[in-house]
Amino acid sequence: MTGREVLKENEGILKSIIRSIDKNLDYTVVDSTEAQGARFSLQLTLRGRHATVSLSIDDLRLAGADAVRRNAVRQKMKSTRDHMMDNHLPDVLGSKIAKMLKASAATQESFQHSAFRRSPRR
């Protein structure tokens, strides 16, 4: 059985898994030009954001009867969806400059006087 036949047979299972994650989550099967063997890719779309997840055809085929496989497929899609919806802030300063600023702030804190510290005797 080819991958496309397995996908067509198990399309209802795939829809129910995706619907259990988020009812507004859309998916499309990505045509892969590379021979990936027993894997297929789904492009998940939600609120203008896109992500691609690669799944095993065997996992999808066995998800109808095996709850463990079904949950594994669901968790992989859900983690991809959660990662897709994270708010990633752009790195404006760059990591090297941010480390330098953090280090300079740490040295300035060590020179601040504490109210609990005794002053030296004169």
PDB file of N, CA and C in Angstrom:
ATOM      1  N   MET A   1       0.825  -1.162   0.000  1.00  0.00           N
ATOM      2  CA  MET A   1       0.000   0.000   0.000  1.00  0.00           C
ATOM      3  C   MET A   1       0.887   1.249   0.000  1.00  0.00           C
ATOM      4  N   THR A   2       0.582   2.214  -0.845  1.00  0.00           N
ATOM      5  CA  THR A   2       1.382   3.431  -0.902  1.00  0.00           C
ATOM      6  C   THR A   2       0.935   4.407   0.185  1.00  0.00           C
ATOM      7  N   GLY A   3       1.741   5.434   0.355  1.00  0.00           N
ATOM      8  CA  GLY A   3       1.439   6.417   1.389  1.00  0.00           C
ATOM      9  C   GLY A   3       0.152   7.181   1.133  1.00  0.00           C
ATOM     10  N   ARG A   4      -0.118   7.491  -0.144  1.00  0.00           N
ATOM     11  CA  ARG A   4      -1.340   8.231  -0.476  1.00  0.00           C
ATOM     12  C   ARG A   4      -2.584   7.408  -0.167  1.00  0.00           C
ATOM     13  N   GLU A   5      -2.532   6.115  -0.428  1.00  0.00           N
ATOM     14  CA  GLU A   5      -3.680   5.246  -0.137  1.00  0.00           C
ATOM     15  C   GLU A   5      -3.936   5.173   1.363  1.00  0.00           C
ATOM     16  N   VAL A   6      -2.871   5.069   2.138  1.00  0.00           N
ATOM     17  CA  VAL A   6      -3.017   5.022   3.599  1.00  0.00           C
ATOM     18  C   VAL A   6      -3.600   6.336   4.109  1.00  0.00           C
ATOM     19  N   LEU A   7      -3.150   7.460   3.543  1.00  0.00           N
ATOM     20  CA  LEU A   7      -3.678   8.758   3.961  1.00  0.00           C
ATOM     21  C   LEU A   7      -5.157   8.888   3.628  1.00  0.00           C
ATOM     22  N   LYS A   8      -5.562   8.418   2.455  1.00  0.00           N
ATOM     23  CA  LYS A   8      -6.974   8.514   2.074  1.00  0.00           C
ATOM     24  C   LYS A   8      -7.844   7.625   2.952  1.00  0.00           C
ATOM     25  N   GLU A   9      -7.354   6.433   3.285  1.00  0.00           N
ATOM     26  CA  GLU A   9      -8.122   5.519   4.138  1.00  0.00           C
ATOM     27  C   GLU A   9      -8.268   6.060   5.560  1.00  0.00           C
ATOM     28  N   ASN A  10      -7.231   6.700   6.061  1.00  0.00           N
ATOM     29  CA  ASN A  10      -7.219   7.149   7.455  1.00  0.00           C
ATOM     30  C   ASN A  10      -7.434   8.652   7.585  1.00  0.00           C
ATOM     31  N   GLU A  11      -8.069   9.262   6.601  1.00  0.00           N
ATOM     32  CA  GLU A  11      -8.309  10.699   6.650  1.00  0.00           C
ATOM     33  C   GLU A  11      -9.260  11.073   7.787  1.00  0.00           C
ATOM     34  N   GLY A  12     -10.222  10.232   8.079  1.00  0.00           N
ATOM     35  CA  GLY A  12     -11.150  10.496   9.181  1.00  0.00           C
ATOM     36  C   GLY A  12     -10.453  10.495  10.527  1.00  0.00           C
ATOM     37  N   ILE A  13      -9.528   9.565  10.710  1.00  0.00           N
ATOM     38  CA  ILE A  13      -8.758   9.509  11.963  1.00  0.00           C
ATOM     39  C   ILE A  13      -7.908  10.765  12.101  1.00  0.00           C
ATOM     40  N   LEU A  14      -7.272  11.154  10.996  1.00  0.00           N
ATOM     41  CA  LEU A  14      -6.429  12.344  11.003  1.00  0.00           C
ATOM     42  C   LEU A  14      -7.248  13.595  11.323  1.00  0.00           C
ATOM     43  N   LYS A  15      -8.426  13.715  10.729  1.00  0.00           N
ATOM     44  CA  LYS A  15      -9.300  14.860  11.005  1.00  0.00           C
ATOM     45  C   LYS A  15      -9.741  14.892  12.463  1.00  0.00           C
ATOM     46  N   SER A  16     -10.082  13.722  13.016  1.00  0.00           N
ATOM     47  CA  SER A  16     -10.538  13.696  14.410  1.00  0.00           C
ATOM     48  C   SER A  16      -9.406  14.042  15.378  1.00  0.00           C
ATOM     49  N   ILE A  17      -8.180  13.622  15.060  1.00  0.00           N
ATOM     50  CA  ILE A  17      -7.037  13.962  15.915  1.00  0.00           C
ATOM     51  C   ILE A  17      -6.790  15.465  15.876  1.00  0.00           C
ATOM     52  N   ILE A  18      -6.813  16.037  14.676  1.00  0.00           N
ATOM     53  CA  ILE A  18      -6.566  17.471  14.537  1.00  0.00           C
ATOM     54  C   ILE A  18      -7.687  18.269  15.189  1.00  0.00           C
ATOM     55  N   ARG A  19      -8.908  17.809  15.044  1.00  0.00           N
ATOM     56  CA  ARG A  19     -10.054  18.495  15.655  1.00  0.00           C
ATOM     57  C   ARG A  19      -9.962  18.448  17.183  1.00  0.00           C
ATOM     58  N   SER A  20      -9.407  17.354  17.740  1.00  0.00           N
ATOM     59  CA  SER A  20      -9.272  17.263  19.195  1.00  0.00           C
ATOM     60  C   SER A  20      -8.211  18.228  19.729  1.00  0.00           C
ATOM     61  N   ILE A  21      -7.287  18.644  18.873  1.00  0.00           N
ATOM     62  CA  ILE A  21      -6.262  19.605  19.284  1.00  0.00           C
ATOM     63  C   ILE A  21      -6.833  21.019  19.277  1.00  0.00           C
ATOM     64  N   ASP A  22      -7.392  21.413  18.124  1.00  0.00           N
ATOM     65  CA  ASP A  22      -7.959  22.750  17.968  1.00  0.00           C
ATOM     66  C   ASP A  22      -8.925  22.705  16.801  1.00  0.00           C
ATOM     67  N   LYS A  23     -10.144  23.170  17.020  1.00  0.00           N
ATOM     68  CA  LYS A  23     -11.146  23.060  15.963  1.00  0.00           C
ATOM     69  C   LYS A  23     -10.881  24.016  14.806  1.00  0.00           C
ATOM     70  N   ASN A  24     -10.065  25.039  15.007  1.00  0.00           N
ATOM     71  CA  ASN A  24      -9.742  25.986  13.946  1.00  0.00           C
ATOM     72  C   ASN A  24      -8.447  25.641  13.215  1.00  0.00           C
ATOM     73  N   LEU A  25      -7.800  24.562  13.593  1.00  0.00           N
ATOM     74  CA  LEU A  25      -6.529  24.167  12.990  1.00  0.00           C
ATOM     75  C   LEU A  25      -6.787  23.518  11.638  1.00  0.00           C
ATOM     76  N   ASP A  26      -6.174  24.069  10.591  1.00  0.00           N
ATOM     77  CA  ASP A  26      -6.294  23.510   9.247  1.00  0.00           C
ATOM     78  C   ASP A  26      -5.022  22.753   8.912  1.00  0.00           C
ATOM     79  N   TYR A  27      -5.150  21.793   8.002  1.00  0.00           N
ATOM     80  CA  TYR A  27      -3.980  21.030   7.592  1.00  0.00           C
ATOM     81  C   TYR A  27      -4.044  20.752   6.098  1.00  0.00           C
ATOM     82  N   THR A  28      -2.882  20.596   5.515  1.00  0.00           N
ATOM     83  CA  THR A  28      -2.753  20.140   4.135  1.00  0.00           C
ATOM     84  C   THR A  28      -1.603  19.149   4.091  1.00  0.00           C
ATOM     85  N   VAL A  29      -1.756  18.144   3.245  1.00  0.00           N
ATOM     86  CA  VAL A  29      -0.699  17.158   3.070  1.00  0.00           C
ATOM     87  C   VAL A  29       0.294  17.735   2.076  1.00  0.00           C
ATOM     88  N   VAL A  30       1.564  17.798   2.470  1.00  0.00           N
ATOM     89  CA  VAL A  30       2.603  18.370   1.628  1.00  0.00           C
ATOM     90  C   VAL A  30       3.146  17.271   0.726  1.00  0.00           C
ATOM     91  N   ASP A  31       3.150  17.546  -0.585  1.00  0.00           N
ATOM     92  CA  ASP A  31       3.737  16.593  -1.526  1.00  0.00           C
ATOM     93  C   ASP A  31       5.245  16.685  -1.428  1.00  0.00           C
ATOM     94  N   SER A  32       5.857  15.585  -1.120  1.00  0.00           N
ATOM     95  CA  SER A  32       7.300  15.545  -0.948  1.00  0.00           C
ATOM     96  C   SER A  32       7.934  14.956  -2.197  1.00  0.00           C
ATOM     97  N   THR A  33       8.882  15.688  -2.780  1.00  0.00           N
ATOM     98  CA  THR A  33       9.572  15.179  -3.963  1.00  0.00           C
ATOM     99  C   THR A  33      10.664  14.195  -3.567  1.00  0.00           C
ATOM    100  N   GLU A  34      11.158  14.327  -2.363  1.00  0.00           N
ATOM    101  CA  GLU A  34      12.176  13.400  -1.880  1.00  0.00           C
ATOM    102  C   GLU A  34      11.515  12.099  -1.443  1.00  0.00           C
ATOM    103  N   ALA A  35      12.242  11.021  -1.596  1.00  0.00           N
ATOM    104  CA  ALA A  35      11.726   9.729  -1.131  1.00  0.00           C
ATOM    105  C   ALA A  35      12.008   9.620   0.363  1.00  0.00           C
ATOM    106  N   GLN A  36      10.987   9.842   1.167  1.00  0.00           N
ATOM    107  CA  GLN A  36      11.163   9.806   2.614  1.00  0.00           C
ATOM    108  C   GLN A  36      10.809   8.449   3.195  1.00  0.00           C
ATOM    109  N   GLY A  37      10.495   7.514   2.353  1.00  0.00           N
ATOM    110  CA  GLY A  37      10.169   6.194   2.863  1.00  0.00           C
ATOM    111  C   GLY A  37       8.785   6.160   3.451  1.00  0.00           C
ATOM    112  N   ALA A  38       8.673   5.793   4.707  1.00  0.00           N
ATOM    113  CA  ALA A  38       7.378   5.593   5.359  1.00  0.00           C
ATOM    114  C   ALA A  38       6.960   6.819   6.161  1.00  0.00           C
ATOM    115  N   ARG A  39       7.198   8.016   5.630  1.00  0.00           N
ATOM    116  CA  ARG A  39       6.841   9.249   6.328  1.00  0.00           C
ATOM    117  C   ARG A  39       6.063  10.162   5.394  1.00  0.00           C
ATOM    118  N   PHE A  40       5.272  11.043   5.984  1.00  0.00           N
ATOM    119  CA  PHE A  40       4.573  12.068   5.227  1.00  0.00           C
ATOM    120  C   PHE A  40       4.595  13.354   6.033  1.00  0.00           C
ATOM    121  N   SER A  41       4.336  14.464   5.369  1.00  0.00           N
ATOM    122  CA  SER A  41       4.386  15.764   6.030  1.00  0.00           C
ATOM    123  C   SER A  41       3.027  16.439   5.972  1.00  0.00           C
ATOM    124  N   LEU A  42       2.690  17.098   7.053  1.00  0.00           N
ATOM    125  CA  LEU A  42       1.471  17.899   7.137  1.00  0.00           C
ATOM    126  C   LEU A  42       1.870  19.341   7.384  1.00  0.00           C
ATOM    127  N   GLN A  43       1.198  20.258   6.696  1.00  0.00           N
ATOM    128  CA  GLN A  43       1.398  21.669   6.988  1.00  0.00           C
ATOM    129  C   GLN A  43       0.200  22.135   7.792  1.00  0.00           C
ATOM    130  N   LEU A  44       0.459  22.552   9.019  1.00  0.00           N
ATOM    131  CA  LEU A  44      -0.589  23.023   9.918  1.00  0.00           C
ATOM    132  C   LEU A  44      -0.697  24.540   9.803  1.00  0.00           C
ATOM    133  N   THR A  45      -1.924  25.050   9.768  1.00  0.00           N
ATOM    134  CA  THR A  45      -2.166  26.481   9.629  1.00  0.00           C
ATOM    135  C   THR A  45      -3.186  26.915  10.671  1.00  0.00           C
ATOM    136  N   LEU A  46      -2.845  27.980  11.387  1.00  0.00           N
ATOM    137  CA  LEU A  46      -3.753  28.539  12.383  1.00  0.00           C
ATOM    138  C   LEU A  46      -3.468  30.029  12.520  1.00  0.00           C
ATOM    139  N   ARG A  47      -4.485  30.846  12.293  1.00  0.00           N
ATOM    140  CA  ARG A  47      -4.398  32.301  12.448  1.00  0.00           C
ATOM    141  C   ARG A  47      -3.227  32.909  11.678  1.00  0.00           C
ATOM    142  N   GLY A  48      -3.026  32.467  10.472  1.00  0.00           N
ATOM    143  CA  GLY A  48      -1.981  33.033   9.624  1.00  0.00           C
ATOM    144  C   GLY A  48      -0.586  32.509   9.896  1.00  0.00           C
ATOM    145  N   ARG A  49      -0.453  31.571  10.788  1.00  0.00           N
ATOM    146  CA  ARG A  49       0.857  30.988  11.088  1.00  0.00           C
ATOM    147  C   ARG A  49       0.910  29.581  10.518  1.00  0.00           C
ATOM    148  N   HIS A  50       2.079  29.187  10.059  1.00  0.00           N
ATOM    149  CA  HIS A  50       2.249  27.892   9.414  1.00  0.00           C
ATOM    150  C   HIS A  50       3.368  27.115  10.093  1.00  0.00           C
ATOM    151  N   ALA A  51       3.214  25.801  10.111  1.00  0.00           N
ATOM    152  CA  ALA A  51       4.256  24.909  10.613  1.00  0.00           C
ATOM    153  C   ALA A  51       4.118  23.578   9.894  1.00  0.00           C
ATOM    154  N   THR A  52       5.219  22.872   9.769  1.00  0.00           N
ATOM    155  CA  THR A  52       5.218  21.581   9.100  1.00  0.00           C
ATOM    156  C   THR A  52       5.628  20.513  10.099  1.00  0.00           C
ATOM    157  N   VAL A  53       4.889  19.418  10.099  1.00  0.00           N
ATOM    158  CA  VAL A  53       5.191  18.292  10.975  1.00  0.00           C
ATOM    159  C   VAL A  53       5.305  17.041  10.113  1.00  0.00           C
ATOM    160  N   SER A  54       6.299  16.219  10.412  1.00  0.00           N
ATOM    161  CA  SER A  54       6.518  14.982   9.676  1.00  0.00           C
ATOM    162  C   SER A  54       6.103  13.808  10.561  1.00  0.00           C
ATOM    163  N   LEU A  55       5.260  12.942  10.013  1.00  0.00           N
ATOM    164  CA  LEU A  55       4.732  11.811  10.770  1.00  0.00           C
ATOM    165  C   LEU A  55       4.991  10.507  10.030  1.00  0.00           C
ATOM    166  N   SER A  56       4.954   9.427  10.758  1.00  0.00           N
ATOM    167  CA  SER A  56       5.130   8.105  10.180  1.00  0.00           C
ATOM    168  C   SER A  56       3.794   7.583   9.650  1.00  0.00           C
ATOM    169  N   ILE A  57       3.836   6.986   8.474  1.00  0.00           N
ATOM    170  CA  ILE A  57       2.620   6.412   7.890  1.00  0.00           C
ATOM    171  C   ILE A  57       2.139   5.236   8.737  1.00  0.00           C
ATOM    172  N   ASP A  58       3.076   4.472   9.285  1.00  0.00           N
ATOM    173  CA  ASP A  58       2.698   3.336  10.134  1.00  0.00           C
ATOM    174  C   ASP A  58       1.969   3.797  11.397  1.00  0.00           C
ATOM    175  N   ASP A  59       2.427   4.909  11.982  1.00  0.00           N
ATOM    176  CA  ASP A  59       1.746   5.435  13.171  1.00  0.00           C
ATOM    177  C   ASP A  59       0.318   5.838  12.849  1.00  0.00           C
ATOM    178  N   LEU A  60       0.124   6.472  11.695  1.00  0.00           N
ATOM    179  CA  LEU A  60      -1.224   6.882  11.306  1.00  0.00           C
ATOM    180  C   LEU A  60      -2.099   5.671  11.013  1.00  0.00           C
ATOM    181  N   ARG A  61      -1.536   4.676  10.365  1.00  0.00           N
ATOM    182  CA  ARG A  61      -2.305   3.479  10.021  1.00  0.00           C
ATOM    183  C   ARG A  61      -2.745   2.735  11.283  1.00  0.00           C
ATOM    184  N   LEU A  62      -1.870   2.662  12.282  1.00  0.00           N
ATOM    185  CA  LEU A  62      -2.182   1.932  13.513  1.00  0.00           C
ATOM    186  C   LEU A  62      -2.934   2.787  14.539  1.00  0.00           C
ATOM    187  N   ALA A  63      -3.074   4.097  14.277  1.00  0.00           N
ATOM    188  CA  ALA A  63      -3.758   4.987  15.224  1.00  0.00           C
ATOM    189  C   ALA A  63      -5.238   4.669  15.348  1.00  0.00           C
ATOM    190  N   GLY A  64      -5.815   4.023  14.345  1.00  0.00           N
ATOM    191  CA  GLY A  64      -7.233   3.678  14.416  1.00  0.00           C
ATOM    192  C   GLY A  64      -7.529   2.641  15.476  1.00  0.00           C
ATOM    193  N   ALA A  65      -6.609   1.706  15.670  1.00  0.00           N
ATOM    194  CA  ALA A  65      -6.845   0.622  16.617  1.00  0.00           C
ATOM    195  C   ALA A  65      -6.075   0.791  17.927  1.00  0.00           C
ATOM    196  N   ASP A  66      -4.935   1.453  17.875  1.00  0.00           N
ATOM    197  CA  ASP A  66      -4.057   1.542  19.034  1.00  0.00           C
ATOM    198  C   ASP A  66      -4.108   2.956  19.616  1.00  0.00           C
ATOM    199  N   ALA A  67      -4.567   3.075  20.843  1.00  0.00           N
ATOM    200  CA  ALA A  67      -4.700   4.385  21.485  1.00  0.00           C
ATOM    201  C   ALA A  67      -3.343   5.015  21.779  1.00  0.00           C
ATOM    202  N   VAL A  68      -2.323   4.194  22.004  1.00  0.00           N
ATOM    203  CA  VAL A  68      -0.989   4.722  22.293  1.00  0.00           C
ATOM    204  C   VAL A  68      -0.422   5.417  21.057  1.00  0.00           C
ATOM    205  N   ARG A  69      -0.573   4.779  19.900  1.00  0.00           N
ATOM    206  CA  ARG A  69      -0.102   5.390  18.647  1.00  0.00           C
ATOM    207  C   ARG A  69      -0.891   6.659  18.339  1.00  0.00           C
ATOM    208  N   ARG A  70      -2.184   6.613  18.583  1.00  0.00           N
ATOM    209  CA  ARG A  70      -3.034   7.785  18.330  1.00  0.00           C
ATOM    210  C   ARG A  70      -2.590   8.962  19.202  1.00  0.00           C
ATOM    211  N   ASN A  71      -2.286   8.679  20.462  1.00  0.00           N
ATOM    212  CA  ASN A  71      -1.834   9.726  21.367  1.00  0.00           C
ATOM    213  C   ASN A  71      -0.459  10.252  20.965  1.00  0.00           C
ATOM    214  N   ALA A  72       0.416   9.384  20.458  1.00  0.00           N
ATOM    215  CA  ALA A  72       1.739   9.825  20.011  1.00  0.00           C
ATOM    216  C   ALA A  72       1.622  10.775  18.819  1.00  0.00           C
ATOM    217  N   VAL A  73       0.731  10.442  17.881  1.00  0.00           N
ATOM    218  CA  VAL A  73       0.502  11.316  16.725  1.00  0.00           C
ATOM    219  C   VAL A  73      -0.082  12.641  17.197  1.00  0.00           C
ATOM    220  N   ARG A  74      -1.027  12.581  18.126  1.00  0.00           N
ATOM    221  CA  ARG A  74      -1.673  13.795  18.638  1.00  0.00           C
ATOM    222  C   ARG A  74      -0.671  14.687  19.364  1.00  0.00           C
ATOM    223  N   GLN A  75       0.192  14.088  20.177  1.00  0.00           N
ATOM    224  CA  GLN A  75       1.171  14.871  20.925  1.00  0.00           C
ATOM    225  C   GLN A  75       2.167  15.559  20.001  1.00  0.00           C
ATOM    226  N   LYS A  76       2.571  14.870  18.939  1.00  0.00           N
ATOM    227  CA  LYS A  76       3.516  15.471  18.000  1.00  0.00           C
ATOM    228  C   LYS A  76       2.882  16.672  17.300  1.00  0.00           C
ATOM    229  N   MET A  77       1.624  16.526  16.881  1.00  0.00           N
ATOM    230  CA  MET A  77       0.936  17.644  16.226  1.00  0.00           C
ATOM    231  C   MET A  77       0.666  18.778  17.209  1.00  0.00           C
ATOM    232  N   LYS A  78       0.306  18.434  18.441  1.00  0.00           N
ATOM    233  CA  LYS A  78      -0.009  19.461  19.437  1.00  0.00           C
ATOM    234  C   LYS A  78       1.241  20.240  19.829  1.00  0.00           C
ATOM    235  N   SER A  79       2.373  19.574  19.973  1.00  0.00           N
ATOM    236  CA  SER A  79       3.596  20.295  20.322  1.00  0.00           C
ATOM    237  C   SER A  79       4.027  21.221  19.187  1.00  0.00           C
ATOM    238  N   THR A  80       3.808  20.785  17.945  1.00  0.00           N
ATOM    239  CA  THR A  80       4.114  21.651  16.805  1.00  0.00           C
ATOM    240  C   THR A  80       3.192  22.858  16.793  1.00  0.00           C
ATOM    241  N   ARG A  81       1.916  22.642  17.079  1.00  0.00           N
ATOM    242  CA  ARG A  81       0.949  23.742  17.125  1.00  0.00           C
ATOM    243  C   ARG A  81       1.280  24.718  18.252  1.00  0.00           C
ATOM    244  N   ASP A  82       1.638  24.189  19.428  1.00  0.00           N
ATOM    245  CA  ASP A  82       1.984  25.053  20.550  1.00  0.00           C
ATOM    246  C   ASP A  82       3.231  25.883  20.243  1.00  0.00           C
ATOM    247  N   HIS A  83       4.208  25.253  19.612  1.00  0.00           N
ATOM    248  CA  HIS A  83       5.427  25.962  19.245  1.00  0.00           C
ATOM    249  C   HIS A  83       5.136  27.027  18.184  1.00  0.00           C
ATOM    250  N   MET A  84       4.224  26.722  17.296  1.00  0.00           N
ATOM    251  CA  MET A  84       3.846  27.656  16.243  1.00  0.00           C
ATOM    252  C   MET A  84       3.177  28.896  16.846  1.00  0.00           C
ATOM    253  N   MET A  85       2.414  28.726  17.907  1.00  0.00           N
ATOM    254  CA  MET A  85       1.668  29.834  18.491  1.00  0.00           C
ATOM    255  C   MET A  85       2.469  30.622  19.529  1.00  0.00           C
ATOM    256  N   ASP A  86       3.695  30.201  19.838  1.00  0.00           N
ATOM    257  CA  ASP A  86       4.533  30.956  20.767  1.00  0.00           C
ATOM    258  C   ASP A  86       4.866  32.317  20.168  1.00  0.00           C
ATOM    259  N   ASN A  87       4.974  33.314  21.016  1.00  0.00           N
ATOM    260  CA  ASN A  87       5.372  34.645  20.565  1.00  0.00           C
ATOM    261  C   ASN A  87       6.884  34.752  20.666  1.00  0.00           C
ATOM    262  N   HIS A  88       7.520  34.734  19.523  1.00  0.00           N
ATOM    263  CA  HIS A  88       8.970  34.871  19.489  1.00  0.00           C
ATOM    264  C   HIS A  88       9.306  36.331  19.212  1.00  0.00           C
ATOM    265  N   LEU A  89      10.027  36.942  20.126  1.00  0.00           N
ATOM    266  CA  LEU A  89      10.425  38.326  19.946  1.00  0.00           C
ATOM    267  C   LEU A  89      11.690  38.373  19.100  1.00  0.00           C
ATOM    268  N   PRO A  90      11.782  39.325  18.203  1.00  0.00           N
ATOM    269  CA  PRO A  90      12.998  39.419  17.389  1.00  0.00           C
ATOM    270  C   PRO A  90      14.180  39.850  18.251  1.00  0.00           C
ATOM    271  N   ASP A  91      15.346  39.327  17.942  1.00  0.00           N
ATOM    272  CA  ASP A  91      16.560  39.639  18.680  1.00  0.00           C
ATOM    273  C   ASP A  91      17.119  40.956  18.140  1.00  0.00           C
ATOM    274  N   VAL A  92      16.760  42.061  18.788  1.00  0.00           N
ATOM    275  CA  VAL A  92      17.125  43.382  18.293  1.00  0.00           C
ATOM    276  C   VAL A  92      18.599  43.665  18.559  1.00  0.00           C
ATOM    277  N   LEU A  93      19.069  43.355  19.747  1.00  0.00           N
ATOM    278  CA  LEU A  93      20.442  43.676  20.109  1.00  0.00           C
ATOM    279  C   LEU A  93      21.448  42.637  19.644  1.00  0.00           C
ATOM    280  N   GLY A  94      21.038  41.429  19.559  1.00  0.00           N
ATOM    281  CA  GLY A  94      21.985  40.364  19.280  1.00  0.00           C
ATOM    282  C   GLY A  94      22.430  39.743  20.584  1.00  0.00           C
ATOM    283  N   SER A  95      22.774  38.482  20.545  1.00  0.00           N
ATOM    284  CA  SER A  95      23.089  37.772  21.783  1.00  0.00           C
ATOM    285  C   SER A  95      24.421  38.210  22.387  1.00  0.00           C
ATOM    286  N   LYS A  96      25.402  38.582  21.563  1.00  0.00           N
ATOM    287  CA  LYS A  96      26.703  38.973  22.097  1.00  0.00           C
ATOM    288  C   LYS A  96      26.601  40.285  22.879  1.00  0.00           C
ATOM    289  N   ILE A  97      25.882  41.246  22.333  1.00  0.00           N
ATOM    290  CA  ILE A  97      25.719  42.531  23.018  1.00  0.00           C
ATOM    291  C   ILE A  97      24.893  42.351  24.288  1.00  0.00           C
ATOM    292  N   ALA A  98      23.883  41.495  24.230  1.00  0.00           N
ATOM    293  CA  ALA A  98      23.055  41.249  25.409  1.00  0.00           C
ATOM    294  C   ALA A  98      23.881  40.627  26.531  1.00  0.00           C
ATOM    295  N   LYS A  99      24.796  39.716  26.198  1.00  0.00           N
ATOM    296  CA  LYS A  99      25.665  39.114  27.214  1.00  0.00           C
ATOM    297  C   LYS A  99      26.594  40.159  27.819  1.00  0.00           C
ATOM    298  N   MET A 100      27.121  41.054  26.980  1.00  0.00           N
ATOM    299  CA  MET A 100      28.012  42.102  27.482  1.00  0.00           C
ATOM    300  C   MET A 100      27.266  43.043  28.424  1.00  0.00           C
ATOM    301  N   LEU A 101      26.044  43.419  28.076  1.00  0.00           N
ATOM    302  CA  LEU A 101      25.256  44.294  28.938  1.00  0.00           C
ATOM    303  C   LEU A 101      24.913  43.619  30.257  1.00  0.00           C
ATOM    304  N   LYS A 102      24.621  42.332  30.187  1.00  0.00           N
ATOM    305  CA  LYS A 102      24.301  41.587  31.403  1.00  0.00           C
ATOM    306  C   LYS A 102      25.521  41.501  32.315  1.00  0.00           C
ATOM    307  N   ALA A 103      26.694  41.275  31.733  1.00  0.00           N
ATOM    308  CA  ALA A 103      27.917  41.185  32.525  1.00  0.00           C
ATOM    309  C   ALA A 103      28.264  42.533  33.147  1.00  0.00           C
ATOM    310  N   SER A 104      28.069  43.618  32.412  1.00  0.00           N
ATOM    311  CA  SER A 104      28.387  44.939  32.965  1.00  0.00           C
ATOM    312  C   SER A 104      27.419  45.309  34.087  1.00  0.00           C
ATOM    313  N   ALA A 105      26.183  44.899  33.989  1.00  0.00           N
ATOM    314  CA  ALA A 105      25.216  45.166  35.050  1.00  0.00           C
ATOM    315  C   ALA A 105      25.575  44.389  36.310  1.00  0.00           C
ATOM    316  N   ALA A 106      26.114  43.191  36.147  1.00  0.00           N
ATOM    317  CA  ALA A 106      26.501  42.384  37.306  1.00  0.00           C
ATOM    318  C   ALA A 106      27.673  43.021  38.040  1.00  0.00           C
ATOM    319  N   THR A 107      28.619  43.616  37.310  1.00  0.00           N
ATOM    320  CA  THR A 107      29.756  44.248  37.980  1.00  0.00           C
ATOM    321  C   THR A 107      29.329  45.524  38.691  1.00  0.00           C
ATOM    322  N   GLN A 108      28.358  46.256  38.163  1.00  0.00           N
ATOM    323  CA  GLN A 108      27.888  47.469  38.821  1.00  0.00           C
ATOM    324  C   GLN A 108      27.150  47.146  40.111  1.00  0.00           C
ATOM    325  N   GLU A 109      26.472  46.033  40.167  1.00  0.00           N
ATOM    326  CA  GLU A 109      25.756  45.655  41.378  1.00  0.00           C
ATOM    327  C   GLU A 109      26.711  45.350  42.517  1.00  0.00           C
ATOM    328  N   SER A 110      27.903  44.865  42.210  1.00  0.00           N
ATOM    329  CA  SER A 110      28.839  44.520  43.271  1.00  0.00           C
ATOM    330  C   SER A 110      29.416  45.766  43.942  1.00  0.00           C
ATOM    331  N   PHE A 111      29.378  46.934  43.291  1.00  0.00           N
ATOM    332  CA  PHE A 111      29.916  48.159  43.868  1.00  0.00           C
ATOM    333  C   PHE A 111      28.882  48.957  44.648  1.00  0.00           C
ATOM    334  N   GLN A 112      27.648  48.569  44.623  1.00  0.00           N
ATOM    335  CA  GLN A 112      26.625  49.306  45.348  1.00  0.00           C
ATOM    336  C   GLN A 112      26.762  49.035  46.844  1.00  0.00           C
ATOM    337  N   HIS A 113      26.563  50.092  47.638  1.00  0.00           N
ATOM    338  CA  HIS A 113      26.682  49.961  49.084  1.00  0.00           C
ATOM    339  C   HIS A 113      25.408  49.369  49.659  1.00  0.00           C
ATOM    340  N   SER A 114      25.579  48.565  50.653  1.00  0.00           N
ATOM    341  CA  SER A 114      24.453  47.955  51.325  1.00  0.00           C
ATOM    342  C   SER A 114      24.192  48.698  52.631  1.00  0.00           C
ATOM    343  N   ALA A 115      22.962  48.791  53.006  1.00  0.00           N
ATOM    344  CA  ALA A 115      22.601  49.475  54.247  1.00  0.00           C
ATOM    345  C   ALA A 115      23.016  48.659  55.463  1.00  0.00           C
ATOM    346  N   PHE A 116      23.204  47.378  55.319  1.00  0.00           N
ATOM    347  CA  PHE A 116      23.532  46.510  56.439  1.00  0.00           C
ATOM    348  C   PHE A 116      25.036  46.341  56.635  1.00  0.00           C
ATOM    349  N   ARG A 117      25.812  46.859  55.742  1.00  0.00           N
ATOM    350  CA  ARG A 117      27.254  46.689  55.828  1.00  0.00           C
ATOM    351  C   ARG A 117      27.855  47.797  56.694  1.00  0.00           C
ATOM    352  N   ARG A 118      28.775  47.413  57.555  1.00  0.00           N
ATOM    353  CA  ARG A 118      29.407  48.388  58.435  1.00  0.00           C
ATOM    354  C   ARG A 118      30.459  49.171  57.668  1.00  0.00           C
ATOM    355  N   SER A 119      30.515  50.426  57.951  1.00  0.00           N
ATOM    356  CA  SER A 119      31.536  51.253  57.303  1.00  0.00           C
ATOM    357  C   SER A 119      32.872  51.032  58.024  1.00  0.00           C
ATOM    358  N   PRO A 120      33.948  51.183  57.316  1.00  0.00           N
ATOM    359  CA  PRO A 120      35.251  50.978  57.978  1.00  0.00           C
ATOM    360  C   PRO A 120      35.523  52.084  59.004  1.00  0.00           C
ATOM    361  N   ARG A 121      36.259  51.739  60.075  1.00  0.00           N
ATOM    362  CA  ARG A 121      36.566  52.715  61.122  1.00  0.00           C
ATOM    363  C   ARG A 121      37.685  53.628  60.651  1.00  0.00           C
ATOM    364  N   ARG A 122      37.573  54.842  61.037  1.00  0.00           N
ATOM    365  CA  ARG A 122      38.600  55.805  60.644  1.00  0.00           C
ATOM    366  C   ARG A 122      39.450  56.196  61.789  1.00  0.00           C
TER     367      ARG A 122
END
